[in-house]
Amino acid sequence: MLYDDLEIEKARKIFSGECKFIAAALDINVIPPQEGNEVAFAGRSNVGKSSLVNALTNRKTLARTSQTPGRTRQLIFFDLVYQSNRLRLVDLPGYGYAKAPKKDIKSWTSLTLKYLKGRPTLRTVCLLIDSRRGIGDLDKTIMKELDTAAVSWVLVLTKIDKLSDEEIIKVKDNSNKIISKYTAAFPEIMVTSSLKNNGIGMLRTYLASFA
């Protein structure tokens, strides 16, 4: 995917604009009203969703990060505003392992699926995959749900700073083979490291196209 300098600079400015916390919702009935386009971040617990949101917005504490998997238990909404450009970022509860009762985990999962299936203003979902682990069965379940709901999504490999160049090529090739089976998947994979800032500019530019 190639972007020109103007697109890259526009995206940088948009994501450097005012970004404020809007709401945290545990219930689908109390989420904020639909106002402008939204992009959501989904993935397994501790995949690095909060770190990625912080890296995209060039902030350290916008989205809380934690070493405890499953800490994000709510739908977290942020409004990103730069001049006439507006984009809402939504940090979704992580799925998979979490230090919480099973009934709570089931509740978070249900909340996430209800949001993904019933939000017309949702333009795309960034589906984060830990590059060290690759795509698992739970990830494929979410991919299937997104396909069924006809929600566009893009695969984002995280923590690539932990891999060698050969390992990155391998996990990217394996991931491409899997996502080619899903109709709602964006055909290109984003390869990122929030720690080293790798791939953040490209993902930022892609997401800014929805603002």
C-alpha atoms as a PDB file:
ATOM      1  CA  MET A   1       0.000   0.000   0.000  1.00  0.00           C
ATOM      2  CA  LEU A   2       1.442   3.347  -1.047  1.00  0.00           C
ATOM      3  CA  TYR A   3       0.468   6.781   0.228  1.00  0.00           C
ATOM      4  CA  ASP A   4       1.729  10.117  -0.983  1.00  0.00           C
ATOM      5  CA  ASP A   5       3.340  12.694   1.298  1.00  0.00           C
ATOM      6  CA  LEU A   6       0.157  14.779   1.520  1.00  0.00           C
ATOM      7  CA  GLU A   7      -1.903  11.810   2.746  1.00  0.00           C
ATOM      8  CA  ILE A   8       0.728  10.876   5.315  1.00  0.00           C
ATOM      9  CA  GLU A   9       0.987  14.447   6.611  1.00  0.00           C
ATOM     10  CA  LYS A  10      -2.792  14.844   6.767  1.00  0.00           C
ATOM     11  CA  ALA A  11      -3.051  11.657   8.813  1.00  0.00           C
ATOM     12  CA  ARG A  12      -0.311  12.819  11.167  1.00  0.00           C
ATOM     13  CA  LYS A  13      -2.155  16.084  11.777  1.00  0.00           C
ATOM     14  CA  ILE A  14      -5.494  14.354  12.332  1.00  0.00           C
ATOM     15  CA  PHE A  15      -4.031  11.974  14.889  1.00  0.00           C
ATOM     16  CA  SER A  16      -2.156  14.839  16.546  1.00  0.00           C
ATOM     17  CA  GLY A  17      -5.419  16.715  17.024  1.00  0.00           C
ATOM     18  CA  GLU A  18      -7.523  16.877  20.150  1.00  0.00           C
ATOM     19  CA  CYS A  19      -8.366  13.396  21.377  1.00  0.00           C
ATOM     20  CA  LYS A  20     -10.661  13.129  24.344  1.00  0.00           C
ATOM     21  CA  PHE A  21     -12.288  10.347  26.293  1.00  0.00           C
ATOM     22  CA  ILE A  22     -16.033  10.172  25.604  1.00  0.00           C
ATOM     23  CA  ALA A  23     -17.422   7.177  27.455  1.00  0.00           C
ATOM     24  CA  ALA A  24     -16.854   3.713  28.867  1.00  0.00           C
ATOM     25  CA  ALA A  25     -19.793   1.348  28.500  1.00  0.00           C
ATOM     26  CA  LEU A  26     -20.522  -2.032  30.060  1.00  0.00           C
ATOM     27  CA  ASP A  27     -23.955  -2.201  28.446  1.00  0.00           C
ATOM     28  CA  ILE A  28     -24.838  -1.860  24.758  1.00  0.00           C
ATOM     29  CA  ASN A  29     -27.826   0.297  25.727  1.00  0.00           C
ATOM     30  CA  VAL A  30     -25.669   3.071  27.194  1.00  0.00           C
ATOM     31  CA  ILE A  31     -23.034   3.472  24.489  1.00  0.00           C
ATOM     32  CA  PRO A  32     -22.694   6.985  23.015  1.00  0.00           C
ATOM     33  CA  PRO A  33     -25.014   8.010  20.172  1.00  0.00           C
ATOM     34  CA  GLN A  34     -23.684   7.553  16.656  1.00  0.00           C
ATOM     35  CA  GLU A  35     -21.905  10.773  15.684  1.00  0.00           C
ATOM     36  CA  GLY A  36     -19.468  10.414  12.819  1.00  0.00           C
ATOM     37  CA  ASN A  37     -17.372   7.513  11.620  1.00  0.00           C
ATOM     38  CA  GLU A  38     -15.891   5.007  14.040  1.00  0.00           C
ATOM     39  CA  VAL A  39     -12.927   2.638  13.884  1.00  0.00           C
ATOM     40  CA  ALA A  40     -12.612  -0.107  16.476  1.00  0.00           C
ATOM     41  CA  PHE A  41      -9.704  -2.103  17.874  1.00  0.00           C
ATOM     42  CA  ALA A  42     -10.284  -5.778  18.676  1.00  0.00           C
ATOM     43  CA  GLY A  43      -8.037  -8.642  19.686  1.00  0.00           C
ATOM     44  CA  ARG A  44      -7.115 -11.191  22.307  1.00  0.00           C
ATOM     45  CA  SER A  45      -6.375 -10.064  25.841  1.00  0.00           C
ATOM     46  CA  ASN A  46      -2.927  -8.470  26.127  1.00  0.00           C
ATOM     47  CA  VAL A  47      -2.436  -8.267  22.351  1.00  0.00           C
ATOM     48  CA  GLY A  48      -1.528  -4.590  22.685  1.00  0.00           C
ATOM     49  CA  LYS A  49      -4.725  -2.716  21.786  1.00  0.00           C
ATOM     50  CA  SER A  50      -4.281   0.090  24.298  1.00  0.00           C
ATOM     51  CA  SER A  51      -0.602   0.474  23.411  1.00  0.00           C
ATOM     52  CA  LEU A  52      -1.503   0.736  19.725  1.00  0.00           C
ATOM     53  CA  VAL A  53      -4.138   3.422  20.358  1.00  0.00           C
ATOM     54  CA  ASN A  54      -1.572   5.370  22.381  1.00  0.00           C
ATOM     55  CA  ALA A  55       1.033   5.018  19.613  1.00  0.00           C
ATOM     56  CA  LEU A  56      -1.383   6.106  16.876  1.00  0.00           C
ATOM     57  CA  THR A  57      -2.329   9.250  18.796  1.00  0.00           C
ATOM     58  CA  ASN A  58       1.261   9.818  19.979  1.00  0.00           C
ATOM     59  CA  ARG A  59       0.145   9.808  23.592  1.00  0.00           C
ATOM     60  CA  LYS A  60       1.341   7.704  26.490  1.00  0.00           C
ATOM     61  CA  THR A  61      -1.725   7.445  28.687  1.00  0.00           C
ATOM     62  CA  LEU A  62      -4.776   8.013  26.471  1.00  0.00           C
ATOM     63  CA  ALA A  63      -5.724   4.340  26.616  1.00  0.00           C
ATOM     64  CA  ARG A  64      -4.709   2.605  29.820  1.00  0.00           C
ATOM     65  CA  THR A  65      -2.246  -0.231  29.396  1.00  0.00           C
ATOM     66  CA  SER A  66      -1.748  -3.110  31.785  1.00  0.00           C
ATOM     67  CA  GLN A  67       0.357  -6.235  32.207  1.00  0.00           C
ATOM     68  CA  THR A  68      -2.790  -8.028  33.371  1.00  0.00           C
ATOM     69  CA  PRO A  69      -4.595  -9.612  30.385  1.00  0.00           C
ATOM     70  CA  GLY A  70      -8.260  -8.699  30.158  1.00  0.00           C
ATOM     71  CA  ARG A  71      -8.106  -5.431  32.069  1.00  0.00           C
ATOM     72  CA  THR A  72     -10.164  -3.551  29.456  1.00  0.00           C
ATOM     73  CA  ARG A  73     -13.679  -4.727  30.309  1.00  0.00           C
ATOM     74  CA  GLN A  74     -15.707  -1.996  28.656  1.00  0.00           C
ATOM     75  CA  LEU A  75     -16.189  -0.370  25.280  1.00  0.00           C
ATOM     76  CA  ILE A  76     -13.962   2.698  25.530  1.00  0.00           C
ATOM     77  CA  PHE A  77     -14.795   5.616  23.203  1.00  0.00           C
ATOM     78  CA  PHE A  78     -12.454   8.469  22.226  1.00  0.00           C
ATOM     79  CA  ASP A  79     -13.172  11.381  19.894  1.00  0.00           C
ATOM     80  CA  LEU A  80     -10.357  12.505  17.614  1.00  0.00           C
ATOM     81  CA  VAL A  81     -10.888  15.990  16.151  1.00  0.00           C
ATOM     82  CA  TYR A  82      -8.701  18.078  13.845  1.00  0.00           C
ATOM     83  CA  GLN A  83     -10.300  21.052  12.080  1.00  0.00           C
ATOM     84  CA  SER A  84     -13.235  19.609  10.093  1.00  0.00           C
ATOM     85  CA  ASN A  85     -11.967  16.032  10.442  1.00  0.00           C
ATOM     86  CA  ARG A  86     -13.508  13.814  13.095  1.00  0.00           C
ATOM     87  CA  LEU A  87     -12.981  10.159  13.914  1.00  0.00           C
ATOM     88  CA  ARG A  88     -14.142   8.108  16.879  1.00  0.00           C
ATOM     89  CA  LEU A  89     -11.788   5.424  18.214  1.00  0.00           C
ATOM     90  CA  VAL A  90     -13.276   2.468  20.083  1.00  0.00           C
ATOM     91  CA  ASP A  91     -11.131   0.197  22.268  1.00  0.00           C
ATOM     92  CA  LEU A  92     -12.988  -3.115  22.650  1.00  0.00           C
ATOM     93  CA  PRO A  93     -12.669  -5.616  25.524  1.00  0.00           C
ATOM     94  CA  GLY A  94     -10.046  -8.250  24.836  1.00  0.00           C
ATOM     95  CA  TYR A  95     -11.233 -11.788  24.209  1.00  0.00           C
ATOM     96  CA  GLY A  96      -9.607 -15.008  25.368  1.00  0.00           C
ATOM     97  CA  TYR A  97      -7.635 -15.290  28.595  1.00  0.00           C
ATOM     98  CA  ALA A  98      -8.550 -12.910  31.388  1.00  0.00           C
ATOM     99  CA  LYS A  99      -8.220 -12.994  35.166  1.00  0.00           C
ATOM    100  CA  ALA A 100     -11.945 -12.735  35.747  1.00  0.00           C
ATOM    101  CA  PRO A 101     -14.966 -14.986  36.377  1.00  0.00           C
ATOM    102  CA  LYS A 102     -16.237 -16.833  33.295  1.00  0.00           C
ATOM    103  CA  LYS A 103     -19.613 -15.079  33.493  1.00  0.00           C
ATOM    104  CA  ASP A 104     -17.846 -11.698  33.245  1.00  0.00           C
ATOM    105  CA  ILE A 105     -15.808 -12.831  30.250  1.00  0.00           C
ATOM    106  CA  LYS A 106     -18.981 -14.080  28.567  1.00  0.00           C
ATOM    107  CA  SER A 107     -20.605 -10.702  29.222  1.00  0.00           C
ATOM    108  CA  TRP A 108     -17.682  -8.759  27.663  1.00  0.00           C
ATOM    109  CA  THR A 109     -17.683 -11.017  24.609  1.00  0.00           C
ATOM    110  CA  SER A 110     -21.431 -10.569  24.145  1.00  0.00           C
ATOM    111  CA  LEU A 111     -21.054  -6.792  24.485  1.00  0.00           C
ATOM    112  CA  THR A 112     -18.342  -6.713  21.814  1.00  0.00           C
ATOM    113  CA  LEU A 113     -20.323  -8.817  19.337  1.00  0.00           C
ATOM    114  CA  LYS A 114     -23.467  -6.711  19.821  1.00  0.00           C
ATOM    115  CA  TYR A 115     -21.462  -3.571  19.091  1.00  0.00           C
ATOM    116  CA  LEU A 116     -19.777  -5.047  16.004  1.00  0.00           C
ATOM    117  CA  LYS A 117     -23.065  -6.262  14.534  1.00  0.00           C
ATOM    118  CA  GLY A 118     -25.216  -3.226  15.240  1.00  0.00           C
ATOM    119  CA  ARG A 119     -23.209  -0.072  14.627  1.00  0.00           C
ATOM    120  CA  PRO A 120     -23.845   1.476  11.167  1.00  0.00           C
ATOM    121  CA  THR A 121     -21.221   4.189  11.776  1.00  0.00           C
ATOM    122  CA  LEU A 122     -18.496   1.561  12.303  1.00  0.00           C
ATOM    123  CA  ARG A 123     -16.293   1.868   9.228  1.00  0.00           C
ATOM    124  CA  THR A 124     -13.605  -0.693   9.973  1.00  0.00           C
ATOM    125  CA  VAL A 125     -12.204  -2.898  12.709  1.00  0.00           C
ATOM    126  CA  CYS A 126      -8.504  -3.299  13.371  1.00  0.00           C
ATOM    127  CA  LEU A 127      -8.148  -6.955  14.356  1.00  0.00           C
ATOM    128  CA  LEU A 128      -4.911  -7.207  16.301  1.00  0.00           C
ATOM    129  CA  ILE A 129      -2.833 -10.390  16.297  1.00  0.00           C
ATOM    130  CA  ASP A 130       0.279 -10.944  18.418  1.00  0.00           C
ATOM    131  CA  SER A 131       2.881 -11.685  15.745  1.00  0.00           C
ATOM    132  CA  ARG A 132       4.645 -14.157  18.061  1.00  0.00           C
ATOM    133  CA  ARG A 133       1.532 -16.328  18.325  1.00  0.00           C
ATOM    134  CA  GLY A 134      -0.191 -15.907  14.972  1.00  0.00           C
ATOM    135  CA  ILE A 135      -3.896 -16.321  14.239  1.00  0.00           C
ATOM    136  CA  GLY A 136      -5.761 -18.650  16.597  1.00  0.00           C
ATOM    137  CA  ASP A 137      -9.200 -20.240  16.630  1.00  0.00           C
ATOM    138  CA  LEU A 138     -10.743 -17.398  18.654  1.00  0.00           C
ATOM    139  CA  ASP A 139      -9.418 -14.892  16.126  1.00  0.00           C
ATOM    140  CA  LYS A 140     -11.008 -16.889  13.303  1.00  0.00           C
ATOM    141  CA  THR A 141     -14.314 -16.836  15.179  1.00  0.00           C
ATOM    142  CA  ILE A 142     -14.204 -13.035  15.289  1.00  0.00           C
ATOM    143  CA  MET A 143     -13.274 -12.924  11.586  1.00  0.00           C
ATOM    144  CA  LYS A 144     -16.303 -15.061  10.801  1.00  0.00           C
ATOM    145  CA  GLU A 145     -18.561 -12.805  12.902  1.00  0.00           C
ATOM    146  CA  LEU A 146     -17.257  -9.721  11.086  1.00  0.00           C
ATOM    147  CA  ASP A 147     -17.840 -11.376   7.716  1.00  0.00           C
ATOM    148  CA  THR A 148     -21.389 -12.316   8.725  1.00  0.00           C
ATOM    149  CA  ALA A 149     -22.070  -8.750   9.866  1.00  0.00           C
ATOM    150  CA  ALA A 150     -20.466  -7.374   6.665  1.00  0.00           C
ATOM    151  CA  VAL A 151     -18.096  -5.229   8.721  1.00  0.00           C
ATOM    152  CA  SER A 152     -14.819  -4.347   7.014  1.00  0.00           C
ATOM    153  CA  TRP A 153     -11.703  -5.291   8.989  1.00  0.00           C
ATOM    154  CA  VAL A 154      -7.951  -5.080   8.664  1.00  0.00           C
ATOM    155  CA  LEU A 155      -5.462  -7.486  10.223  1.00  0.00           C
ATOM    156  CA  VAL A 156      -2.826  -5.764  12.352  1.00  0.00           C
ATOM    157  CA  LEU A 157       0.186  -7.776  13.486  1.00  0.00           C
ATOM    158  CA  THR A 158       1.575  -6.378  16.749  1.00  0.00           C
ATOM    159  CA  LYS A 159       4.892  -6.626  18.616  1.00  0.00           C
ATOM    160  CA  ILE A 160       6.985  -7.314  15.510  1.00  0.00           C
ATOM    161  CA  ASP A 161      10.025  -5.901  17.328  1.00  0.00           C
ATOM    162  CA  LYS A 162      10.143  -9.287  19.076  1.00  0.00           C
ATOM    163  CA  LEU A 163      10.680 -11.140  15.773  1.00  0.00           C
ATOM    164  CA  SER A 164      13.512 -11.509  13.267  1.00  0.00           C
ATOM    165  CA  ASP A 165      12.986 -10.398   9.668  1.00  0.00           C
ATOM    166  CA  GLU A 166      12.562 -14.034   8.591  1.00  0.00           C
ATOM    167  CA  GLU A 167       9.971 -14.644  11.299  1.00  0.00           C
ATOM    168  CA  ILE A 168       8.033 -11.536  10.250  1.00  0.00           C
ATOM    169  CA  ILE A 169       7.907 -12.741   6.631  1.00  0.00           C
ATOM    170  CA  LYS A 170       6.712 -16.177   7.770  1.00  0.00           C
ATOM    171  CA  VAL A 171       3.913 -14.934  10.039  1.00  0.00           C
ATOM    172  CA  LYS A 172       2.810 -12.436   7.420  1.00  0.00           C
ATOM    173  CA  ASP A 173       2.656 -15.132   4.720  1.00  0.00           C
ATOM    174  CA  ASN A 174       0.714 -17.478   7.001  1.00  0.00           C
ATOM    175  CA  SER A 175      -1.684 -14.694   7.944  1.00  0.00           C
ATOM    176  CA  ASN A 176      -2.275 -13.761   4.305  1.00  0.00           C
ATOM    177  CA  LYS A 177      -3.291 -17.339   3.504  1.00  0.00           C
ATOM    178  CA  ILE A 178      -5.868 -17.267   6.298  1.00  0.00           C
ATOM    179  CA  ILE A 179      -7.432 -13.846   5.702  1.00  0.00           C
ATOM    180  CA  SER A 180      -7.818 -14.548   1.971  1.00  0.00           C
ATOM    181  CA  LYS A 181     -10.731 -16.807   2.967  1.00  0.00           C
ATOM    182  CA  TYR A 182     -12.703 -13.931   4.512  1.00  0.00           C
ATOM    183  CA  THR A 183     -14.659 -11.566   2.274  1.00  0.00           C
ATOM    184  CA  ALA A 184     -14.723  -8.576   4.655  1.00  0.00           C
ATOM    185  CA  ALA A 185     -10.953  -8.572   5.195  1.00  0.00           C
ATOM    186  CA  PHE A 186      -8.839  -5.718   3.849  1.00  0.00           C
ATOM    187  CA  PRO A 187      -6.377  -7.415   1.471  1.00  0.00           C
ATOM    188  CA  GLU A 188      -3.239  -5.929   3.027  1.00  0.00           C
ATOM    189  CA  ILE A 189      -1.827  -6.702   6.469  1.00  0.00           C
ATOM    190  CA  MET A 190      -0.500  -3.975   8.754  1.00  0.00           C
ATOM    191  CA  VAL A 191       2.751  -4.913  10.498  1.00  0.00           C
ATOM    192  CA  THR A 192       3.365  -2.861  13.643  1.00  0.00           C
ATOM    193  CA  SER A 193       5.345  -2.299  16.806  1.00  0.00           C
ATOM    194  CA  SER A 194       3.990   0.243  19.271  1.00  0.00           C
ATOM    195  CA  LEU A 195       7.309   0.158  21.133  1.00  0.00           C
ATOM    196  CA  LYS A 196       9.486   0.919  18.096  1.00  0.00           C
ATOM    197  CA  ASN A 197       6.794   2.838  16.162  1.00  0.00           C
ATOM    198  CA  ASN A 198       7.100   0.460  13.199  1.00  0.00           C
ATOM    199  CA  GLY A 199       4.155   0.599  10.800  1.00  0.00           C
ATOM    200  CA  ILE A 200       2.293   3.149  12.904  1.00  0.00           C
ATOM    201  CA  GLY A 201       2.410   5.837  10.205  1.00  0.00           C
ATOM    202  CA  MET A 202       0.923   3.535   7.555  1.00  0.00           C
ATOM    203  CA  LEU A 203      -1.891   2.342   9.818  1.00  0.00           C
ATOM    204  CA  ARG A 204      -2.556   5.916  10.886  1.00  0.00           C
ATOM    205  CA  THR A 205      -2.845   7.017   7.252  1.00  0.00           C
ATOM    206  CA  TYR A 206      -5.208   4.157   6.428  1.00  0.00           C
ATOM    207  CA  LEU A 207      -7.485   4.971   9.369  1.00  0.00           C
ATOM    208  CA  ALA A 208      -7.415   8.707   8.638  1.00  0.00           C
ATOM    209  CA  SER A 209      -9.130   7.970   5.322  1.00  0.00           C
ATOM    210  CA  PHE A 210     -12.311   7.360   7.334  1.00  0.00           C
ATOM    211  CA  ALA A 211     -12.204  10.767   9.068  1.00  0.00           C
END
